[in-house]
Each structure stands twice: as C-alpha cells, then as structure tokens.
C-alpha cells in the first residue's frame, strides 16, 4: 500500500481567457492533515473542485490517483462513492430543514419509501456526538450559528463513509473559539484514519 492515499498529476484547468491550473501536482499522505495555501485567485478552490467532481473528468487535463488507481470523477457522487467529500466555502445546507434531514438528505433510512424517523434521529445523534455538537437533531438549520452549521456539514460527510475530507477555507467565517473546536475535531478525525 502506498503512503499516498491521493495523487493529482499534471492537473491543468482552463477557463475562457485564463489558465486557472497549470500542471499542478499534489501528493497527499494517508491519515494526515494537509493544507493548501495561496493568494486569492491562485487556483486552490479550482483544484478542490476538480478532485471533488464539480469539474468533471474531461473538463481538465491530468490524472487523479486514489489508493494507487486512476479515477475519473464525472460528478460529485462519483467522488463521494470513493470516499472523497468536500465542504465548500458556501455551505450546502437547506435552512428550512432540520439537522437530521440535512445530514441524511439524499440517503434517509426508509423501508419501501417510508422514512424511519426514529432511526434517522438515532443515527443523527451518533454523528453529532462524533463532532461534539450539542444540538437537537430536530432543530432547523437556520437557527444554528455558522460554526454549528459547519459541524453539521462535517457530520454529513461522516455519514458518507469519508476517507478524505476536504474543507475549502474552513475558518473564514468562524470565531477564534470555533476555529479551535474545528482543529480539535480534525485531529480526532485523523486519529480515526480520515485524511483531511
């Protein structure tokens, strides 16, 4: 098994009039916390969107190698099916839905189309405990602070059996205390084998 869970080789992404990524190479060690730094417009978010399937295979040049095998992500679901989950700067939560509904939006536990709400809330509470978030699973997301919403996004990522968790500018809108909480959570995830 390679020490690298992920390699991106010679990634080039061109938009009309601008080359956003020019033969970028990245190697990510398994079970570690990594950071990509650069100025605004340097291509960090573009690179993340290539990896997460937002920009599908064929819209860029280069290779994505996961666990030693080349992968072609045509959409976000393809990346998530391989355990790569991204939390973008703009959080992808539905304000009018509750915490549990947001976490399991696309995969609610059901039998013949009937949602098992008890199971949904039990599974949600386990995930909230993992991210040290003390909120009621039935609370509407619009009533949560931005730091709490980000923890709900991370709980949603954990529900998808994440191997690689990518956070795009995770601290931008957080208070100092929320940043500390986030970093502690990332350390815990690392201990559980999640690469961040």
Protein backbone atom coordinates (compact mmCIF):
# COMPACT_ATOMS: atom_id res chain seq x y z
CA UNK A 1 0.00 0.00 0.00
CA UNK A 2 1.34 3.41 -0.98
CA UNK A 3 1.98 6.02 1.70
CA UNK A 4 -0.06 8.36 -0.52
CA UNK A 5 -3.82 7.97 -0.46
CA UNK A 6 -4.16 10.58 -3.20
CA UNK A 7 -2.05 11.92 -6.02
CA UNK A 8 -3.04 14.55 -8.56
CA UNK A 9 -0.68 14.67 -11.52
CA UNK A 10 -0.27 17.46 -14.06
CA UNK A 11 -3.72 18.93 -13.43
CA UNK A 12 -4.47 21.73 -15.88
CA UNK A 13 -7.79 23.57 -15.93
CA UNK A 14 -8.55 26.32 -18.43
CA UNK A 15 -11.47 28.72 -18.37
CA UNK A 16 -12.14 31.13 -21.25
CA UNK A 17 -9.26 33.60 -21.16
CA UNK A 18 -7.47 32.16 -18.12
CA UNK A 19 -5.43 29.09 -17.21
CA UNK A 20 -6.56 28.51 -13.60
CA UNK A 21 -4.33 25.46 -13.02
CA UNK A 22 -1.10 24.79 -14.90
CA UNK A 23 0.28 21.24 -14.49
CA UNK A 24 -0.35 21.12 -10.74
CA UNK A 25 0.96 18.09 -8.84
CA UNK A 26 -0.18 17.12 -5.36
CA UNK A 27 0.60 14.10 -3.18
CA UNK A 28 -1.44 13.55 -0.02
CA UNK A 29 -0.20 11.20 2.69
CA UNK A 30 -2.68 8.78 4.19
CA UNK A 31 -4.09 9.70 7.61
CA UNK A 32 -2.54 13.15 7.78
CA UNK A 33 -3.89 16.70 7.92
CA UNK A 34 -2.83 18.82 4.95
CA UNK A 35 -3.24 22.46 3.98
CA UNK A 36 -3.04 24.22 0.64
CA UNK A 37 -2.04 27.86 0.88
CA UNK A 38 -2.00 30.58 -1.71
CA UNK A 39 -3.26 34.01 -2.63
CA UNK A 40 -6.79 34.70 -3.82
CA UNK A 41 -7.11 33.52 -7.41
CA UNK A 42 -4.22 31.04 -7.08
CA UNK A 43 -6.45 28.08 -8.00
CA UNK A 44 -6.97 26.38 -4.62
CA UNK A 45 -10.75 26.13 -4.95
CA UNK A 46 -10.46 25.11 -8.60
CA UNK A 47 -8.13 22.24 -7.64
CA UNK A 48 -10.58 21.14 -4.95
CA UNK A 49 -13.47 21.24 -7.42
CA UNK A 50 -11.53 19.05 -9.87
CA UNK A 51 -10.88 16.50 -7.12
CA UNK A 52 -14.48 16.51 -5.88
CA UNK A 53 -16.08 16.04 -9.30
CA UNK A 54 -17.56 19.55 -9.53
CA UNK A 55 -15.44 19.93 -12.66
CA UNK A 56 -15.94 16.55 -14.32
CA UNK A 57 -13.32 14.36 -15.93
CA UNK A 58 -12.73 15.64 -19.43
CA UNK A 59 -13.05 19.32 -18.46
CA UNK A 60 -9.41 19.34 -17.28
CA UNK A 61 -6.15 17.59 -18.14
CA UNK A 62 -4.20 15.33 -15.80
CA UNK A 63 -4.72 12.32 -13.54
CA UNK A 64 -6.30 11.67 -10.17
CA UNK A 65 -4.88 8.59 -8.45
CA UNK A 66 -6.64 7.26 -5.36
CA UNK A 67 -5.17 4.31 -3.49
CA UNK A 68 -2.90 3.59 -6.46
CA UNK A 69 -5.67 3.54 -9.08
CA UNK A 70 -6.55 6.23 -11.59
CA UNK A 71 -10.04 7.64 -11.03
CA UNK A 72 -12.31 9.58 -13.34
CA UNK A 73 -14.96 11.58 -11.49
CA UNK A 74 -17.77 12.71 -13.74
CA UNK A 75 -19.76 14.25 -10.88
CA UNK A 76 -19.76 14.82 -7.13
CA UNK A 77 -21.40 11.46 -6.43
CA UNK A 78 -18.55 9.61 -8.16
CA UNK A 79 -16.04 11.26 -5.80
CA UNK A 80 -18.22 10.65 -2.74
CA UNK A 81 -18.65 6.99 -3.69
CA UNK A 82 -14.84 6.73 -3.44
CA UNK A 83 -14.83 8.43 -0.02
CA UNK A 84 -13.83 11.96 -1.10
CA UNK A 85 -16.16 14.53 0.45
CA UNK A 86 -15.78 18.28 0.13
CA UNK A 87 -17.23 21.01 2.29
CA UNK A 88 -17.19 24.16 0.21
CA UNK A 89 -16.97 27.75 1.45
CA UNK A 90 -20.67 28.12 0.69
CA UNK A 91 -22.26 25.54 2.98
CA UNK A 92 -24.70 23.16 1.25
CA UNK A 93 -27.43 23.02 3.87
CA UNK A 94 -31.16 23.64 3.47
CA UNK A 95 -32.09 26.24 6.12
CA UNK A 96 -35.75 25.20 6.41
CA UNK A 97 -34.90 21.53 7.07
CA UNK A 98 -33.79 20.23 10.43
CA UNK A 99 -30.31 18.95 11.28
CA UNK A 100 -31.18 15.27 10.72
CA UNK A 101 -32.89 15.94 7.39
CA UNK A 102 -29.84 17.89 6.19
CA UNK A 103 -27.38 15.18 7.21
CA UNK A 104 -29.34 12.42 5.51
CA UNK A 105 -30.91 14.47 2.72
CA UNK A 106 -30.02 12.04 -0.05
CA UNK A 107 -29.95 8.83 1.98
CA UNK A 108 -32.71 8.79 4.59
CA UNK A 109 -33.26 5.35 6.19
CA UNK A 110 -36.50 4.03 4.76
CA UNK A 111 -38.44 0.89 4.01
CA UNK A 112 -40.46 0.93 0.79
CA UNK A 113 -40.26 4.73 0.70
CA UNK A 114 -41.43 5.25 4.29
CA UNK A 115 -38.84 7.13 6.35
CA UNK A 116 -37.90 5.59 9.68
CA UNK A 117 -37.72 8.83 11.68
CA UNK A 118 -36.61 7.12 14.91
CA UNK A 119 -33.63 5.55 13.16
CA UNK A 120 -32.88 8.84 11.43
CA UNK A 121 -32.71 10.72 14.74
CA UNK A 122 -30.67 7.99 16.46
CA UNK A 123 -28.10 7.93 13.62
CA UNK A 124 -28.01 11.72 13.59
CA UNK A 125 -27.33 11.89 17.32
CA UNK A 126 -24.41 9.46 16.96
CA UNK A 127 -22.90 11.65 14.23
CA UNK A 128 -23.45 14.83 16.26
CA UNK A 129 -21.68 13.17 19.18
CA UNK A 130 -18.72 12.35 16.89
CA UNK A 131 -18.34 16.04 16.00
CA UNK A 132 -19.02 17.21 19.59
CA UNK A 133 -22.08 19.22 18.57
CA UNK A 134 -24.79 19.58 21.21
CA UNK A 135 -27.88 20.41 19.19
CA UNK A 136 -31.25 18.73 18.84
CA UNK A 137 -31.43 16.70 15.60
CA UNK A 138 -34.89 18.22 15.07
CA UNK A 139 -33.59 21.83 15.23
CA UNK A 140 -33.91 23.76 11.97
CA UNK A 141 -30.52 24.57 10.48
CA UNK A 142 -31.47 28.24 10.04
CA UNK A 143 -31.44 28.56 13.86
CA UNK A 144 -27.79 27.45 14.14
CA UNK A 145 -24.68 29.60 14.11
CA UNK A 146 -22.20 29.31 11.23
CA UNK A 147 -19.78 27.20 13.30
CA UNK A 148 -22.57 24.81 14.24
CA UNK A 149 -23.66 24.62 10.59
CA UNK A 150 -20.13 23.71 9.58
CA UNK A 151 -20.15 20.89 12.15
CA UNK A 152 -23.44 19.67 10.65
CA UNK A 153 -21.68 19.61 7.25
CA UNK A 154 -18.85 17.54 8.75
CA UNK A 155 -21.38 15.16 10.35
CA UNK A 156 -22.99 14.84 6.89
CA UNK A 157 -19.58 13.98 5.43
CA UNK A 158 -19.06 11.32 8.11
CA UNK A 159 -22.43 9.77 7.22
CA UNK A 160 -20.97 9.14 3.74
CA UNK A 161 -18.07 6.99 4.99
CA UNK A 162 -15.50 9.67 4.23
CA UNK A 163 -11.84 8.69 3.64
CA UNK A 164 -10.66 12.13 2.52
CA UNK A 165 -12.37 15.22 3.94
CA UNK A 166 -11.69 18.45 2.09
CA UNK A 167 -12.63 21.78 3.63
CA UNK A 168 -12.41 24.87 1.40
CA UNK A 169 -11.48 27.90 3.55
CA UNK A 170 -12.95 26.30 6.66
CA UNK A 171 -12.01 29.05 9.11
CA UNK A 172 -13.05 32.09 7.06
CA UNK A 173 -16.35 32.78 8.87
CA UNK A 174 -15.55 31.22 12.25
CA UNK A 175 -14.77 32.82 15.60
CA UNK A 176 -11.47 32.03 17.32
CA UNK A 177 -13.22 29.52 19.62
CA UNK A 178 -14.95 27.84 16.65
CA UNK A 179 -11.59 27.57 14.87
CA UNK A 180 -10.12 25.82 17.93
CA UNK A 181 -13.10 23.45 18.01
CA UNK A 182 -12.72 22.70 14.30
CA UNK A 183 -8.99 21.97 14.63
CA UNK A 184 -9.61 19.65 17.60
CA UNK A 185 -12.21 17.79 15.54
CA UNK A 186 -9.79 17.43 12.61
CA UNK A 187 -7.22 15.90 14.98
CA UNK A 188 -9.86 13.39 16.18
CA UNK A 189 -10.78 12.52 12.60
CA UNK A 190 -7.10 11.98 11.81
CA UNK A 191 -6.87 9.56 14.74
CA UNK A 192 -9.81 7.64 13.21
CA UNK A 193 -7.97 7.36 9.88
CA UNK A 194 -9.63 10.18 7.96
CA UNK A 195 -7.26 12.16 5.76
CA UNK A 196 -8.00 15.89 5.86
